[in-house]
Amino acid sequence: MVQWITETFGLVARESWAVEQIFECFKNLFTAGSFQKFTALLMAIGELFGMLMSGTPVTPFGDELNLEGYSLVFEDEFEGDSVNWDVWRSRAEGPKGVANLSSSQATVKDGALYLTGEYLEDGAYGEGWYAADIALKEKYTYGYYEARCIANNGTGFWSAFWLRSDHPYEPEYSLGGPGGAELDILESLHWDAGYDANKFTLHVAGIDGPDDEGIDSYHMPSFKGNNIYTEYNTYGLLWTEEEYVFYMNGVECIRTSFGNGTCQEPMEVLLSLCIPGDPNSTLYKNLQSMDHDVKQDFIIDYVRIYQKTP
């Protein structure tokens, strides 16, 4: 039924997912077992119809995170007075499109990491807008990845917590995912839309073979948190040999095995206050037109990585 509706009405992936979840919620209404669960399912159905009709976000309603059998293998609580450059590196330095990236925009204070977007008259690469893009030096494979953070409150930049292999966009390497992927766990692209929501995205290349051109992307539904621009929320990804499972505040949002299987290659873990590169994008135009006294912060309380206990 879901496939027929998808094909008949030309639904995109996130809309097809919503239809599938609506059917599942209606089915579970009859076995809810409690008034509380029954009410929660009705609320989920209402939000799913809203997302299907107008793209509004939904509240996560999946299972709670269970890390039984996993052990903590990396943790940075940002308790010092500067970034630990022994474990982190500045992934990009210098001019990038309409702005600049610099490690100087990554600072630690009050027990948190701040990636700051601001206009500098005497910046390291000349006058202009500045932000930061950092990555862990060590790469990791299967496991659970989580960050607790507050997204930048404004437009022109956007906050991102993501994983990336060496070759996610080259079809001859990615082969639809096993050889390379990009996994966006947090992307705060909805500030202008007036609601607090997170966007998960998965990018691979070469689903139809090494000569397949272009990037294949799975744009997942948007999910609500607390006010993500003023309050801390947690964003997580469980990456296994079979699938990717995305979490928000410890509740499952969506799971997928999009492409030809999950990535088998090590990935770097990134925190970015991103700079728009597309001159036709709203973010690009907003950054160009913003007052020079505007300052925005992507604030990260911690980053943690868990892997299966040997």
C-alpha atoms as a PDB file:
ATOM      1  CA  MET A   1       0.000   0.000   0.000  1.00  0.00           C
ATOM      2  CA  VAL A   2       2.763   2.467   0.957  1.00  0.00           C
ATOM      3  CA  GLN A   3       4.638   1.761  -2.271  1.00  0.00           C
ATOM      4  CA  TRP A   4       1.483   2.288  -4.342  1.00  0.00           C
ATOM      5  CA  ILE A   5       0.748   5.606  -2.601  1.00  0.00           C
ATOM      6  CA  THR A   6       4.353   6.711  -3.053  1.00  0.00           C
ATOM      7  CA  GLU A   7       4.393   5.914  -6.756  1.00  0.00           C
ATOM      8  CA  THR A   8       0.871   7.229  -7.446  1.00  0.00           C
ATOM      9  CA  PHE A   9       1.414  10.592  -5.765  1.00  0.00           C
ATOM     10  CA  GLY A  10       5.142  10.923  -6.492  1.00  0.00           C
ATOM     11  CA  LEU A  11       6.130  11.207  -2.839  1.00  0.00           C
ATOM     12  CA  VAL A  12       9.717  11.952  -1.869  1.00  0.00           C
ATOM     13  CA  ALA A  13      11.475   9.707   0.654  1.00  0.00           C
ATOM     14  CA  ARG A  14      10.504  11.618   3.803  1.00  0.00           C
ATOM     15  CA  GLU A  15       6.849  11.771   2.677  1.00  0.00           C
ATOM     16  CA  SER A  16       6.856   8.059   1.977  1.00  0.00           C
ATOM     17  CA  TRP A  17       8.293   7.499   5.446  1.00  0.00           C
ATOM     18  CA  ALA A  18       5.476   9.571   6.953  1.00  0.00           C
ATOM     19  CA  VAL A  19       2.831   7.472   5.171  1.00  0.00           C
ATOM     20  CA  GLU A  20       4.469   4.277   6.425  1.00  0.00           C
ATOM     21  CA  GLN A  21       4.548   5.607  10.001  1.00  0.00           C
ATOM     22  CA  ILE A  22       0.903   6.744   9.834  1.00  0.00           C
ATOM     23  CA  PHE A  23      -0.176   3.213   8.900  1.00  0.00           C
ATOM     24  CA  GLU A  24       2.011   1.778  11.675  1.00  0.00           C
ATOM     25  CA  CYS A  25       0.605   4.191  14.281  1.00  0.00           C
ATOM     26  CA  PHE A  26      -2.993   3.422  13.315  1.00  0.00           C
ATOM     27  CA  LYS A  27      -2.220  -0.281  13.663  1.00  0.00           C
ATOM     28  CA  ASN A  28      -0.678   0.239  17.095  1.00  0.00           C
ATOM     29  CA  LEU A  29      -3.696   2.216  18.336  1.00  0.00           C
ATOM     30  CA  PHE A  30      -5.594  -1.044  18.783  1.00  0.00           C
ATOM     31  CA  THR A  31      -2.879  -2.515  21.007  1.00  0.00           C
ATOM     32  CA  ALA A  32      -1.812   0.676  22.812  1.00  0.00           C
ATOM     33  CA  GLY A  33      -2.431  -0.853  26.243  1.00  0.00           C
ATOM     34  CA  SER A  34      -2.712   2.467  28.061  1.00  0.00           C
ATOM     35  CA  PHE A  35      -4.439   5.808  27.656  1.00  0.00           C
ATOM     36  CA  GLN A  36      -1.046   7.560  27.711  1.00  0.00           C
ATOM     37  CA  LYS A  37       0.300   5.500  24.832  1.00  0.00           C
ATOM     38  CA  PHE A  38      -2.976   5.850  22.905  1.00  0.00           C
ATOM     39  CA  THR A  39      -2.790   9.638  23.271  1.00  0.00           C
ATOM     40  CA  ALA A  40       0.870   9.673  22.219  1.00  0.00           C
ATOM     41  CA  LEU A  41       0.039   7.717  19.066  1.00  0.00           C
ATOM     42  CA  LEU A  42      -2.780  10.140  18.194  1.00  0.00           C
ATOM     43  CA  MET A  43      -0.399  13.077  18.621  1.00  0.00           C
ATOM     44  CA  ALA A  44       2.183  11.330  16.432  1.00  0.00           C
ATOM     45  CA  ILE A  45      -0.406  10.720  13.715  1.00  0.00           C
ATOM     46  CA  GLY A  46      -1.380  14.394  13.763  1.00  0.00           C
ATOM     47  CA  GLU A  47       2.234  15.538  13.452  1.00  0.00           C
ATOM     48  CA  LEU A  48       2.918  13.000  10.689  1.00  0.00           C
ATOM     49  CA  PHE A  49      -0.005  14.343   8.656  1.00  0.00           C
ATOM     50  CA  GLY A  50       1.370  17.844   9.205  1.00  0.00           C
ATOM     51  CA  MET A  51       4.794  16.785   7.965  1.00  0.00           C
ATOM     52  CA  LEU A  52       3.239  14.998   4.990  1.00  0.00           C
ATOM     53  CA  MET A  53       1.113  17.969   3.952  1.00  0.00           C
ATOM     54  CA  SER A  54       3.383  20.931   4.730  1.00  0.00           C
ATOM     55  CA  GLY A  55       6.799  19.636   5.785  1.00  0.00           C
ATOM     56  CA  THR A  56       6.502  20.573   9.466  1.00  0.00           C
ATOM     57  CA  PRO A  57       8.681  18.587  11.903  1.00  0.00           C
ATOM     58  CA  VAL A  58       7.593  15.706  14.104  1.00  0.00           C
ATOM     59  CA  THR A  59       8.390  14.844  17.709  1.00  0.00           C
ATOM     60  CA  PRO A  60      10.558  11.707  18.012  1.00  0.00           C
ATOM     61  CA  PHE A  61       8.376   8.789  19.086  1.00  0.00           C
ATOM     62  CA  GLY A  62      10.605   5.732  18.643  1.00  0.00           C
ATOM     63  CA  ASP A  63      12.344   3.535  21.190  1.00  0.00           C
ATOM     64  CA  GLU A  64      14.664   4.962  23.833  1.00  0.00           C
ATOM     65  CA  LEU A  65      18.401   4.616  23.312  1.00  0.00           C
ATOM     66  CA  ASN A  66      19.895   1.432  24.764  1.00  0.00           C
ATOM     67  CA  LEU A  67      23.688   1.219  24.839  1.00  0.00           C
ATOM     68  CA  GLU A  68      23.870  -2.166  26.552  1.00  0.00           C
ATOM     69  CA  GLY A  69      26.934  -3.942  25.183  1.00  0.00           C
ATOM     70  CA  TYR A  70      28.674  -0.680  24.235  1.00  0.00           C
ATOM     71  CA  SER A  71      31.584   1.060  25.966  1.00  0.00           C
ATOM     72  CA  LEU A  72      32.759   4.669  25.900  1.00  0.00           C
ATOM     73  CA  VAL A  73      35.871   4.942  23.703  1.00  0.00           C
ATOM     74  CA  PHE A  74      36.133   8.737  23.326  1.00  0.00           C
ATOM     75  CA  GLU A  75      34.863  11.687  25.323  1.00  0.00           C
ATOM     76  CA  ASP A  76      35.581  15.394  25.279  1.00  0.00           C
ATOM     77  CA  GLU A  77      33.723  17.428  27.914  1.00  0.00           C
ATOM     78  CA  PHE A  78      35.563  20.654  26.976  1.00  0.00           C
ATOM     79  CA  GLU A  79      36.476  21.354  30.595  1.00  0.00           C
ATOM     80  CA  GLY A  80      39.765  23.134  29.905  1.00  0.00           C
ATOM     81  CA  ASP A  81      40.481  26.644  28.749  1.00  0.00           C
ATOM     82  CA  SER A  82      41.289  25.839  25.110  1.00  0.00           C
ATOM     83  CA  VAL A  83      40.611  23.272  22.401  1.00  0.00           C
ATOM     84  CA  ASN A  84      42.655  20.104  22.828  1.00  0.00           C
ATOM     85  CA  TRP A  85      44.483  20.255  19.510  1.00  0.00           C
ATOM     86  CA  ASP A  86      46.172  16.944  20.322  1.00  0.00           C
ATOM     87  CA  VAL A  87      42.889  15.198  19.475  1.00  0.00           C
ATOM     88  CA  TRP A  88      41.196  17.831  17.261  1.00  0.00           C
ATOM     89  CA  ARG A  89      42.401  19.509  14.077  1.00  0.00           C
ATOM     90  CA  SER A  90      41.217  22.498  12.095  1.00  0.00           C
ATOM     91  CA  ARG A  91      39.729  20.797   9.064  1.00  0.00           C
ATOM     92  CA  ALA A  92      39.694  23.865   6.828  1.00  0.00           C
ATOM     93  CA  GLU A  93      41.618  27.125   6.957  1.00  0.00           C
ATOM     94  CA  GLY A  94      41.312  30.193   4.792  1.00  0.00           C
ATOM     95  CA  PRO A  95      38.808  31.781   2.419  1.00  0.00           C
ATOM     96  CA  LYS A  96      35.746  29.776   1.475  1.00  0.00           C
ATOM     97  CA  GLY A  97      33.205  31.459  -0.752  1.00  0.00           C
ATOM     98  CA  VAL A  98      31.707  34.451   0.986  1.00  0.00           C
ATOM     99  CA  ALA A  99      33.608  33.943   4.267  1.00  0.00           C
ATOM    100  CA  ASN A 100      36.678  32.423   5.959  1.00  0.00           C
ATOM    101  CA  LEU A 101      37.374  29.438   8.185  1.00  0.00           C
ATOM    102  CA  SER A 102      39.877  29.709  11.022  1.00  0.00           C
ATOM    103  CA  SER A 103      40.857  27.671  14.087  1.00  0.00           C
ATOM    104  CA  SER A 104      40.816  30.930  16.055  1.00  0.00           C
ATOM    105  CA  GLN A 105      37.007  30.753  15.928  1.00  0.00           C
ATOM    106  CA  ALA A 106      37.056  27.545  18.018  1.00  0.00           C
ATOM    107  CA  THR A 107      37.369  28.372  21.723  1.00  0.00           C
ATOM    108  CA  VAL A 108      36.575  26.717  25.055  1.00  0.00           C
ATOM    109  CA  LYS A 109      34.955  28.486  27.995  1.00  0.00           C
ATOM    110  CA  ASP A 110      32.517  27.691  30.794  1.00  0.00           C
ATOM    111  CA  GLY A 111      32.808  23.952  30.115  1.00  0.00           C
ATOM    112  CA  ALA A 112      31.784  24.123  26.463  1.00  0.00           C
ATOM    113  CA  LEU A 113      33.245  24.446  22.989  1.00  0.00           C
ATOM    114  CA  TYR A 114      32.227  27.573  21.078  1.00  0.00           C
ATOM    115  CA  LEU A 115      32.405  27.753  17.280  1.00  0.00           C
ATOM    116  CA  THR A 116      31.841  31.441  16.582  1.00  0.00           C
ATOM    117  CA  GLY A 117      30.616  33.172  13.465  1.00  0.00           C
ATOM    118  CA  GLU A 118      31.406  36.871  13.322  1.00  0.00           C
ATOM    119  CA  TYR A 119      32.742  39.688  11.140  1.00  0.00           C
ATOM    120  CA  LEU A 120      36.397  40.560  11.769  1.00  0.00           C
ATOM    121  CA  GLU A 121      38.172  43.605  10.411  1.00  0.00           C
ATOM    122  CA  ASP A 122      41.596  42.190  11.291  1.00  0.00           C
ATOM    123  CA  GLY A 123      41.080  38.449  10.828  1.00  0.00           C
ATOM    124  CA  ALA A 124      43.870  36.044   9.908  1.00  0.00           C
ATOM    125  CA  TYR A 125      42.743  36.045   6.265  1.00  0.00           C
ATOM    126  CA  GLY A 126      41.757  39.657   5.986  1.00  0.00           C
ATOM    127  CA  GLU A 127      38.533  41.486   6.682  1.00  0.00           C
ATOM    128  CA  GLY A 128      35.342  39.450   6.432  1.00  0.00           C
ATOM    129  CA  TRP A 129      33.062  36.880   8.011  1.00  0.00           C
ATOM    130  CA  TYR A 130      34.691  34.038   9.976  1.00  0.00           C
ATOM    131  CA  ALA A 131      33.616  30.642  11.307  1.00  0.00           C
ATOM    132  CA  ALA A 132      35.225  27.281  12.194  1.00  0.00           C
ATOM    133  CA  ASP A 133      35.281  23.648  11.046  1.00  0.00           C
ATOM    134  CA  ILE A 134      37.098  21.091  13.236  1.00  0.00           C
ATOM    135  CA  ALA A 135      37.463  17.304  13.188  1.00  0.00           C
ATOM    136  CA  LEU A 136      38.854  14.583  15.405  1.00  0.00           C
ATOM    137  CA  LYS A 137      42.274  13.401  14.252  1.00  0.00           C
ATOM    138  CA  GLU A 138      41.384   9.771  14.907  1.00  0.00           C
ATOM    139  CA  LYS A 139      38.812   8.146  12.646  1.00  0.00           C
ATOM    140  CA  TYR A 140      36.232   5.627  13.815  1.00  0.00           C
ATOM    141  CA  THR A 141      33.949   2.965  12.384  1.00  0.00           C
ATOM    142  CA  TYR A 142      30.799   1.315  13.760  1.00  0.00           C
ATOM    143  CA  GLY A 143      29.450   2.698  17.016  1.00  0.00           C
ATOM    144  CA  TYR A 144      27.238   5.294  18.646  1.00  0.00           C
ATOM    145  CA  TYR A 145      28.103   8.988  18.241  1.00  0.00           C
ATOM    146  CA  GLU A 146      26.522  11.733  20.321  1.00  0.00           C
ATOM    147  CA  ALA A 147      26.917  15.471  20.885  1.00  0.00           C
ATOM    148  CA  ARG A 148      25.056  17.731  23.307  1.00  0.00           C
ATOM    149  CA  CYS A 149      24.828  21.197  21.873  1.00  0.00           C
ATOM    150  CA  ILE A 150      22.990  24.444  21.147  1.00  0.00           C
ATOM    151  CA  ALA A 151      22.685  25.439  17.485  1.00  0.00           C
ATOM    152  CA  ASN A 152      23.565  28.959  16.351  1.00  0.00           C
ATOM    153  CA  ASN A 153      20.672  31.344  16.897  1.00  0.00           C
ATOM    154  CA  GLY A 154      20.339  33.098  13.560  1.00  0.00           C
ATOM    155  CA  THR A 155      20.813  32.809   9.836  1.00  0.00           C
ATOM    156  CA  GLY A 156      23.790  33.115   7.482  1.00  0.00           C
ATOM    157  CA  PHE A 157      25.609  30.176   9.149  1.00  0.00           C
ATOM    158  CA  TRP A 158      24.399  26.767  10.245  1.00  0.00           C
ATOM    159  CA  SER A 159      25.553  24.328  12.928  1.00  0.00           C
ATOM    160  CA  ALA A 160      26.507  20.776  12.021  1.00  0.00           C
ATOM    161  CA  PHE A 161      27.624  17.604  13.795  1.00  0.00           C
ATOM    162  CA  TRP A 162      28.506  15.009  11.179  1.00  0.00           C
ATOM    163  CA  LEU A 163      30.618  12.053  10.047  1.00  0.00           C
ATOM    164  CA  ARG A 164      32.479  11.810   6.756  1.00  0.00           C
ATOM    165  CA  SER A 165      34.657   9.154   5.113  1.00  0.00           C
ATOM    166  CA  ASP A 166      37.432   9.940   2.644  1.00  0.00           C
ATOM    167  CA  HIS A 167      35.420   9.468  -0.553  1.00  0.00           C
ATOM    168  CA  PRO A 168      31.668   9.885  -0.047  1.00  0.00           C
ATOM    169  CA  TYR A 169      31.030  11.748  -3.301  1.00  0.00           C
ATOM    170  CA  GLU A 170      33.085   9.696  -5.782  1.00  0.00           C
ATOM    171  CA  PRO A 171      30.963   6.838  -7.177  1.00  0.00           C
ATOM    172  CA  GLU A 172      33.955   4.600  -7.900  1.00  0.00           C
ATOM    173  CA  TYR A 173      34.858   4.669  -4.191  1.00  0.00           C
ATOM    174  CA  SER A 174      31.511   5.083  -2.446  1.00  0.00           C
ATOM    175  CA  LEU A 175      29.717   2.406  -4.494  1.00  0.00           C
ATOM    176  CA  GLY A 176      26.436   3.491  -2.964  1.00  0.00           C
ATOM    177  CA  GLY A 177      27.694   3.739   0.603  1.00  0.00           C
ATOM    178  CA  PRO A 178      29.950   0.824   1.653  1.00  0.00           C
ATOM    179  CA  GLY A 179      33.039   2.621   0.351  1.00  0.00           C
ATOM    180  CA  GLY A 180      32.165   6.076   1.618  1.00  0.00           C
ATOM    181  CA  ALA A 181      29.359   8.235   3.008  1.00  0.00           C
ATOM    182  CA  GLU A 182      28.495  11.512   4.690  1.00  0.00           C
ATOM    183  CA  LEU A 183      26.180  11.303   7.694  1.00  0.00           C
ATOM    184  CA  ASP A 184      24.692  14.581   8.945  1.00  0.00           C
ATOM    185  CA  ILE A 185      23.541  14.011  12.529  1.00  0.00           C
ATOM    186  CA  LEU A 186      22.707  17.665  13.225  1.00  0.00           C
ATOM    187  CA  GLU A 187      22.013  20.370  10.664  1.00  0.00           C
ATOM    188  CA  SER A 188      20.142  23.437  11.918  1.00  0.00           C
ATOM    189  CA  LEU A 189      18.789  24.739   8.635  1.00  0.00           C
ATOM    190  CA  HIS A 190      15.292  25.726   9.815  1.00  0.00           C
ATOM    191  CA  TRP A 191      15.900  28.949  11.743  1.00  0.00           C
ATOM    192  CA  ASP A 192      14.235  31.095   9.059  1.00  0.00           C
ATOM    193  CA  ALA A 193      11.219  28.767   9.011  1.00  0.00           C
ATOM    194  CA  GLY A 194      10.354  29.788  12.558  1.00  0.00           C
ATOM    195  CA  TYR A 195      10.432  26.364  14.217  1.00  0.00           C
ATOM    196  CA  ASP A 196      12.956  24.366  16.205  1.00  0.00           C
ATOM    197  CA  ALA A 197      13.905  21.221  14.363  1.00  0.00           C
ATOM    198  CA  ASN A 198      16.852  19.129  13.296  1.00  0.00           C
ATOM    199  CA  LYS A 199      17.506  17.739   9.840  1.00  0.00           C
ATOM    200  CA  PHE A 200      19.217  14.361   9.337  1.00  0.00           C
ATOM    201  CA  THR A 201      20.766  13.681   5.931  1.00  0.00           C
ATOM    202  CA  LEU A 202      22.733  10.856   4.302  1.00  0.00           C
ATOM    203  CA  HIS A 203      24.902  11.332   1.190  1.00  0.00           C
ATOM    204  CA  VAL A 204      26.547   8.631  -0.937  1.00  0.00           C
ATOM    205  CA  ALA A 205      27.454   8.192  -4.598  1.00  0.00           C
ATOM    206  CA  GLY A 206      27.391   5.364  -7.142  1.00  0.00           C
ATOM    207  CA  ILE A 207      24.265   3.491  -6.063  1.00  0.00           C
ATOM    208  CA  ASP A 208      23.897   2.242  -9.652  1.00  0.00           C
ATOM    209  CA  GLY A 209      27.599   1.530 -10.094  1.00  0.00           C
ATOM    210  CA  PRO A 210      30.994   3.256 -10.386  1.00  0.00           C
ATOM    211  CA  ASP A 211      29.936   5.157 -13.519  1.00  0.00           C
ATOM    212  CA  ASP A 212      26.810   6.561 -11.880  1.00  0.00           C
ATOM    213  CA  GLU A 213      27.043  10.361 -11.931  1.00  0.00           C
ATOM    214  CA  GLY A 214      25.981  12.711  -9.168  1.00  0.00           C
ATOM    215  CA  ILE A 215      25.404  12.362  -5.436  1.00  0.00           C
ATOM    216  CA  ASP A 216      22.586  10.231  -4.023  1.00  0.00           C
ATOM    217  CA  SER A 217      21.019  11.810  -0.954  1.00  0.00           C
ATOM    218  CA  TYR A 218      18.411  10.713   1.560  1.00  0.00           C
ATOM    219  CA  HIS A 219      16.797  13.819   3.064  1.00  0.00           C
ATOM    220  CA  MET A 220      15.042  12.580   6.163  1.00  0.00           C
ATOM    221  CA  PRO A 221      12.113  14.211   7.980  1.00  0.00           C
ATOM    222  CA  SER A 222      12.795  17.029  10.429  1.00  0.00           C
ATOM    223  CA  PHE A 223      12.437  16.264  14.130  1.00  0.00           C
ATOM    224  CA  LYS A 224      11.604  18.566  17.027  1.00  0.00           C
ATOM    225  CA  GLY A 225      13.688  19.052  20.120  1.00  0.00           C
ATOM    226  CA  ASN A 226      13.597  21.570  22.891  1.00  0.00           C
ATOM    227  CA  ASN A 227      14.332  25.040  21.540  1.00  0.00           C
ATOM    228  CA  ILE A 228      17.479  23.942  19.708  1.00  0.00           C
ATOM    229  CA  TYR A 229      18.746  27.541  19.410  1.00  0.00           C
ATOM    230  CA  THR A 230      18.636  28.365  23.132  1.00  0.00           C
ATOM    231  CA  GLU A 231      18.655  24.993  24.941  1.00  0.00           C
ATOM    232  CA  TYR A 232      20.898  21.939  24.936  1.00  0.00           C
ATOM    233  CA  ASN A 233      19.684  18.876  23.030  1.00  0.00           C
ATOM    234  CA  THR A 234      21.492  15.625  22.304  1.00  0.00           C
ATOM    235  CA  TYR A 235      21.927  14.348  18.753  1.00  0.00           C
ATOM    236  CA  GLY A 236      23.025  10.772  18.177  1.00  0.00           C
ATOM    237  CA  LEU A 237      23.729   8.182  15.517  1.00  0.00           C
ATOM    238  CA  LEU A 238      24.040   4.428  15.937  1.00  0.00           C
ATOM    239  CA  TRP A 239      26.053   3.116  12.976  1.00  0.00           C
ATOM    240  CA  THR A 240      26.051  -0.658  12.571  1.00  0.00           C
ATOM    241  CA  GLU A 241      26.890  -3.115   9.813  1.00  0.00           C
ATOM    242  CA  GLU A 242      23.178  -3.229   8.884  1.00  0.00           C
ATOM    243  CA  GLU A 243      21.765   0.288   9.294  1.00  0.00           C
ATOM    244  CA  TYR A 244      21.972   3.835  10.632  1.00  0.00           C
ATOM    245  CA  VAL A 245      19.701   4.804  13.533  1.00  0.00           C
ATOM    246  CA  PHE A 246      19.323   8.519  14.336  1.00  0.00           C
ATOM    247  CA  TYR A 247      18.382   9.793  17.805  1.00  0.00           C
ATOM    248  CA  MET A 248      17.360  13.083  19.385  1.00  0.00           C
ATOM    249  CA  ASN A 249      17.419  13.461  23.174  1.00  0.00           C
ATOM    250  CA  GLY A 250      17.827   9.711  23.545  1.00  0.00           C
ATOM    251  CA  VAL A 251      14.733   8.805  21.498  1.00  0.00           C
ATOM    252  CA  GLU A 252      14.874   7.096  18.131  1.00  0.00           C
ATOM    253  CA  CYS A 253      13.840   9.326  15.235  1.00  0.00           C
ATOM    254  CA  ILE A 254      14.447   7.243  12.126  1.00  0.00           C
ATOM    255  CA  ARG A 255      16.486   4.309  10.883  1.00  0.00           C
ATOM    256  CA  THR A 256      17.667   3.651   7.347  1.00  0.00           C
ATOM    257  CA  SER A 257      19.867   1.437   5.194  1.00  0.00           C
ATOM    258  CA  PHE A 258      19.653   3.811   2.225  1.00  0.00           C
ATOM    259  CA  GLY A 259      21.967   2.940  -0.652  1.00  0.00           C
ATOM    260  CA  ASN A 260      23.920  -0.281  -1.012  1.00  0.00           C
ATOM    261  CA  GLY A 261      24.698  -0.788   2.650  1.00  0.00           C
ATOM    262  CA  THR A 262      26.244   1.159   5.479  1.00  0.00           C
ATOM    263  CA  CYS A 263      29.752   2.553   5.226  1.00  0.00           C
ATOM    264  CA  GLN A 264      32.549   0.096   5.977  1.00  0.00           C
ATOM    265  CA  GLU A 265      35.297   2.720   5.991  1.00  0.00           C
ATOM    266  CA  PRO A 266      36.542   4.770   8.963  1.00  0.00           C
ATOM    267  CA  MET A 267      34.981   8.216   9.256  1.00  0.00           C
ATOM    268  CA  GLU A 268      36.125  11.489  10.746  1.00  0.00           C
ATOM    269  CA  VAL A 269      33.917  13.170  13.346  1.00  0.00           C
ATOM    270  CA  LEU A 270      33.234  16.843  12.593  1.00  0.00           C
ATOM    271  CA  LEU A 271      31.824  19.911  14.320  1.00  0.00           C
ATOM    272  CA  SER A 272      31.201  22.856  12.014  1.00  0.00           C
ATOM    273  CA  LEU A 273      29.677  26.274  11.955  1.00  0.00           C
ATOM    274  CA  CYS A 274      29.089  26.039   8.241  1.00  0.00           C
ATOM    275  CA  ILE A 275      29.446  28.766   5.636  1.00  0.00           C
ATOM    276  CA  PRO A 276      27.042  28.792   2.647  1.00  0.00           C
ATOM    277  CA  GLY A 277      28.764  28.230  -0.674  1.00  0.00           C
ATOM    278  CA  ASP A 278      25.835  28.444  -3.072  1.00  0.00           C
ATOM    279  CA  PRO A 279      25.422  32.112  -4.153  1.00  0.00           C
ATOM    280  CA  ASN A 280      21.756  31.413  -4.944  1.00  0.00           C
ATOM    281  CA  SER A 281      20.950  30.143  -1.449  1.00  0.00           C
ATOM    282  CA  THR A 282      19.056  32.156   1.134  1.00  0.00           C
ATOM    283  CA  LEU A 283      21.820  31.610   3.694  1.00  0.00           C
ATOM    284  CA  TYR A 284      24.443  33.007   1.304  1.00  0.00           C
ATOM    285  CA  LYS A 285      22.385  36.114   0.613  1.00  0.00           C
ATOM    286  CA  ASN A 286      21.609  36.564   4.298  1.00  0.00           C
ATOM    287  CA  LEU A 287      25.278  36.371   5.270  1.00  0.00           C
ATOM    288  CA  GLN A 288      26.187  38.980   2.671  1.00  0.00           C
ATOM    289  CA  SER A 289      23.517  41.371   3.921  1.00  0.00           C
ATOM    290  CA  MET A 290      23.931  40.922   7.689  1.00  0.00           C
ATOM    291  CA  ASP A 291      25.067  43.730   9.976  1.00  0.00           C
ATOM    292  CA  HIS A 292      28.744  43.391  10.835  1.00  0.00           C
ATOM    293  CA  ASP A 293      28.041  43.452  14.576  1.00  0.00           C
ATOM    294  CA  VAL A 294      26.117  40.146  14.417  1.00  0.00           C
ATOM    295  CA  LYS A 295      27.761  37.298  16.341  1.00  0.00           C
ATOM    296  CA  GLN A 296      26.568  33.687  16.487  1.00  0.00           C
ATOM    297  CA  ASP A 297      27.787  30.657  18.448  1.00  0.00           C
ATOM    298  CA  PHE A 298      27.458  26.925  17.967  1.00  0.00           C
ATOM    299  CA  ILE A 299      27.908  25.669  21.556  1.00  0.00           C
ATOM    300  CA  ILE A 300      28.923  22.050  22.224  1.00  0.00           C
ATOM    301  CA  ASP A 301      28.787  20.662  25.765  1.00  0.00           C
ATOM    302  CA  TYR A 302      30.350  17.298  24.914  1.00  0.00           C
ATOM    303  CA  VAL A 303      31.135  14.753  22.213  1.00  0.00           C
ATOM    304  CA  ARG A 304      31.024  11.044  23.067  1.00  0.00           C
ATOM    305  CA  ILE A 305      31.699   7.900  21.045  1.00  0.00           C
ATOM    306  CA  TYR A 306      30.732   4.377  22.074  1.00  0.00           C
ATOM    307  CA  GLN A 307      31.678   1.098  20.418  1.00  0.00           C
ATOM    308  CA  LYS A 308      30.735  -2.497  21.080  1.00  0.00           C
ATOM    309  CA  THR A 309      32.478  -3.934  24.107  1.00  0.00           C
ATOM    310  CA  PRO A 310      35.000  -6.602  22.997  1.00  0.00           C
END
